[in-house]
Amino acid sequence: MHTSSDDAAANSRATLITAITAVFLTVAWLSVLARSYVRAMLIRNYGWDDAVMLLAVVCHLVMTKSLDISC
């Protein structure tokens, strides 16, 4: 049987996992956007690897939202 302390511990972990995921997702987006800006605007050498990196981050965001995972 689950007790209220078990539910509170699980809820606390869920909040912690959501917070950690949100932090890393934000860092990933900032990194990708900064690299894309530098490669496209400053260096003017935006390659296929940069496009795939951007596509991967967008796919992650779409998948996260479609699974109704709160980040």
Protein backbone atom coordinates (compact mmCIF):
# COMPACT_ATOMS: atom_id res chain seq x y z
CA MET A 1 0.00 0.00 0.00
CA HIS A 2 1.15 3.51 -0.78
CA THR A 3 1.30 5.97 2.02
CA SER A 4 1.12 9.71 1.76
CA SER A 5 4.87 9.96 2.42
CA ASP A 6 5.54 7.67 -0.58
CA ASP A 7 3.35 9.88 -2.76
CA ALA A 8 5.10 13.01 -1.49
CA ALA A 9 8.53 11.51 -2.22
CA ALA A 10 7.47 10.50 -5.74
CA ASN A 11 5.97 13.94 -6.35
CA SER A 12 9.16 15.56 -5.08
CA ARG A 13 11.26 13.48 -7.47
CA ALA A 14 8.95 14.32 -10.36
CA THR A 15 9.41 18.01 -9.68
CA LEU A 16 13.18 17.59 -9.45
CA ILE A 17 13.35 15.62 -12.71
CA THR A 18 11.18 18.20 -14.47
CA ALA A 19 13.39 21.03 -13.24
CA ILE A 20 16.60 19.30 -14.30
CA THR A 21 15.12 18.50 -17.72
CA ALA A 22 14.05 22.11 -18.19
CA VAL A 23 17.53 23.39 -17.30
CA PHE A 24 19.28 21.04 -19.72
CA LEU A 25 16.74 21.75 -22.48
CA THR A 26 17.36 25.47 -22.04
CA VAL A 27 21.14 24.98 -22.16
CA ALA A 28 20.78 22.84 -25.29
CA TRP A 29 18.62 25.46 -27.04
CA LEU A 30 20.99 28.28 -26.12
CA SER A 31 23.98 26.29 -27.37
CA VAL A 32 22.31 25.38 -30.65
CA LEU A 33 21.07 28.91 -31.28
CA ALA A 34 24.45 30.44 -30.45
CA ARG A 35 26.29 28.01 -32.73
CA SER A 36 23.75 28.50 -35.53
CA TYR A 37 24.08 32.29 -35.26
CA VAL A 38 27.87 32.19 -35.35
CA ARG A 39 28.01 29.71 -38.23
CA ALA A 40 25.32 31.46 -40.31
CA MET A 41 25.96 35.15 -39.63
CA LEU A 42 29.59 35.54 -38.59
CA ILE A 43 31.42 32.74 -40.37
CA ARG A 44 28.87 32.39 -43.22
CA ASN A 45 29.48 28.67 -43.43
CA TYR A 46 26.25 26.97 -42.29
CA GLY A 47 26.63 23.29 -43.11
CA TRP A 48 24.49 20.19 -43.14
CA ASP A 49 25.74 19.20 -39.68
CA ASP A 50 24.42 22.47 -38.27
CA ALA A 51 21.04 21.90 -39.89
CA VAL A 52 20.87 18.35 -38.50
CA MET A 53 21.75 19.63 -35.03
CA LEU A 54 18.96 22.20 -35.21
CA LEU A 55 16.54 19.59 -36.54
CA ALA A 56 17.40 17.26 -33.64
CA VAL A 57 16.62 19.91 -31.04
CA VAL A 58 13.35 20.80 -32.78
CA CYS A 59 12.39 17.10 -32.96
CA HIS A 60 13.14 16.73 -29.26
CA LEU A 61 10.89 19.67 -28.46
CA VAL A 62 8.06 18.37 -30.66
CA MET A 63 8.34 14.89 -29.17
CA THR A 64 8.38 16.26 -25.62
CA LYS A 65 5.25 18.30 -26.28
CA SER A 66 3.44 15.49 -28.09
CA LEU A 67 4.06 13.11 -25.17
CA ASP A 68 2.66 15.78 -22.83
CA ILE A 69 5.82 15.85 -20.75
CA SER A 70 6.05 19.13 -18.92
CA CYS A 71 9.41 20.85 -19.28
